[in-house]
Structures are given as structure tokens and as C-alpha cells.
């Protein structure tokens, strides 16, 4: 097993920040300030697929709210 084999087996988790933006993060690293785990963990591919599914609106939450308020 070389070093490169380790990457495929690495466990990731999905994080979300206050702006509803998502990020993949290595599961064994400390979660950075301003982010929280959403409860999804798995391979990089599994986590990326989850983010693709749930992150349908790429705009930061503050921008979405401003635009929604302007429209009403």
C-alpha cells in the first residue's frame, strides 16, 4: 500500500457554515470555527454527491435573504 492508496480510504464529513455554504472536511480533523457538521460522513465521492444533492442554491444565505426581501 502506497501513500496514494490512503486518500481513497480517507473518511470525510460534510460541514456547513452560517451562510449555508458546504465544504468537505477530513473526518478526523477538528472542525474549524464557524462551521458545523451536518451529519454526513463517508468517502470523498459520497460526501461530494451529498453536497451536490443538498446545495442547490450556491448563493450565500445573506444574499438570498436580501434578494427575497427585495422581491416582496
Protein backbone atom coordinates (compact mmCIF):
# COMPACT_ATOMS: atom_id res chain seq x y z
CA UNK A 1 0.00 0.00 0.00
CA UNK A 2 1.50 3.30 -1.09
CA UNK A 3 0.68 6.76 0.19
CA UNK A 4 -1.80 7.34 -2.62
CA UNK A 5 -3.99 4.43 -1.51
CA UNK A 6 -4.64 6.23 1.76
CA UNK A 7 -6.53 9.09 0.11
CA UNK A 8 -9.28 6.85 -1.26
CA UNK A 9 -9.86 5.37 2.17
CA UNK A 10 -9.88 8.70 3.97
CA UNK A 11 -13.12 9.48 5.77
CA UNK A 12 -14.72 12.83 5.07
CA UNK A 13 -17.58 14.69 6.64
CA UNK A 14 -19.75 17.45 5.25
CA UNK A 15 -19.67 20.82 7.00
CA UNK A 16 -21.95 23.83 6.61
CA UNK A 17 -21.32 27.41 7.68
CA UNK A 18 -23.69 30.18 8.77
CA UNK A 19 -24.20 31.20 5.13
CA UNK A 20 -25.43 27.67 4.25
CA UNK A 21 -22.27 27.01 2.25
CA UNK A 22 -20.96 23.46 2.27
CA UNK A 23 -17.47 22.00 2.47
CA UNK A 24 -15.87 18.56 2.60
CA UNK A 25 -13.59 18.08 5.58
CA UNK A 26 -11.44 15.19 6.71
CA UNK A 27 -13.44 13.44 9.42
CA UNK A 28 -10.55 13.20 11.87
CA UNK A 29 -9.65 16.88 11.74
CA UNK A 30 -11.04 19.41 14.19
CA UNK A 31 -13.97 21.34 12.73
CA UNK A 32 -12.96 24.97 12.07
CA UNK A 33 -14.73 27.85 13.80
CA UNK A 34 -17.89 28.99 12.02
CA UNK A 35 -18.67 25.53 10.61
CA UNK A 36 -20.74 22.64 11.87
CA UNK A 37 -21.09 19.02 10.81
CA UNK A 38 -24.35 18.20 9.01
CA UNK A 39 -24.14 14.52 9.96
CA UNK A 40 -22.99 13.15 6.61
CA UNK A 41 -19.75 11.16 6.63
CA UNK A 42 -18.17 8.82 4.11
CA UNK A 43 -15.75 8.71 1.23
CA UNK A 44 -14.88 11.88 -0.64
CA UNK A 45 -17.16 10.78 -3.51
CA UNK A 46 -20.09 10.03 -1.19
CA UNK A 47 -19.76 13.37 0.55
CA UNK A 48 -19.38 15.26 -2.73
CA UNK A 49 -22.52 13.56 -4.08
CA UNK A 50 -24.41 14.55 -0.93
CA UNK A 51 -23.32 18.18 -1.29
CA UNK A 52 -24.40 18.16 -4.95
CA UNK A 53 -27.82 16.93 -3.80
CA UNK A 54 -28.45 19.38 -0.97
CA UNK A 55 -26.61 22.51 -2.13
CA UNK A 56 -28.99 23.54 -4.88
CA UNK A 57 -28.61 27.30 -4.38
CA UNK A 58 -25.00 28.46 -4.37
CA UNK A 59 -25.79 31.99 -3.17
CA UNK A 60 -24.82 32.77 0.43
CA UNK A 61 -27.82 32.84 2.75
CA UNK A 62 -27.47 36.58 3.45
CA UNK A 63 -27.65 37.33 -0.29
CA UNK A 64 -30.66 35.02 -0.79
CA UNK A 65 -32.49 36.73 2.08
CA UNK A 66 -31.72 40.20 0.74
CA UNK A 67 -32.98 39.23 -2.71
CA UNK A 68 -36.12 37.61 -1.31
CA UNK A 69 -36.87 40.68 0.80
CA UNK A 70 -36.33 42.98 -2.18
CA UNK A 71 -38.81 40.96 -4.21
CA UNK A 72 -41.66 41.09 -1.70
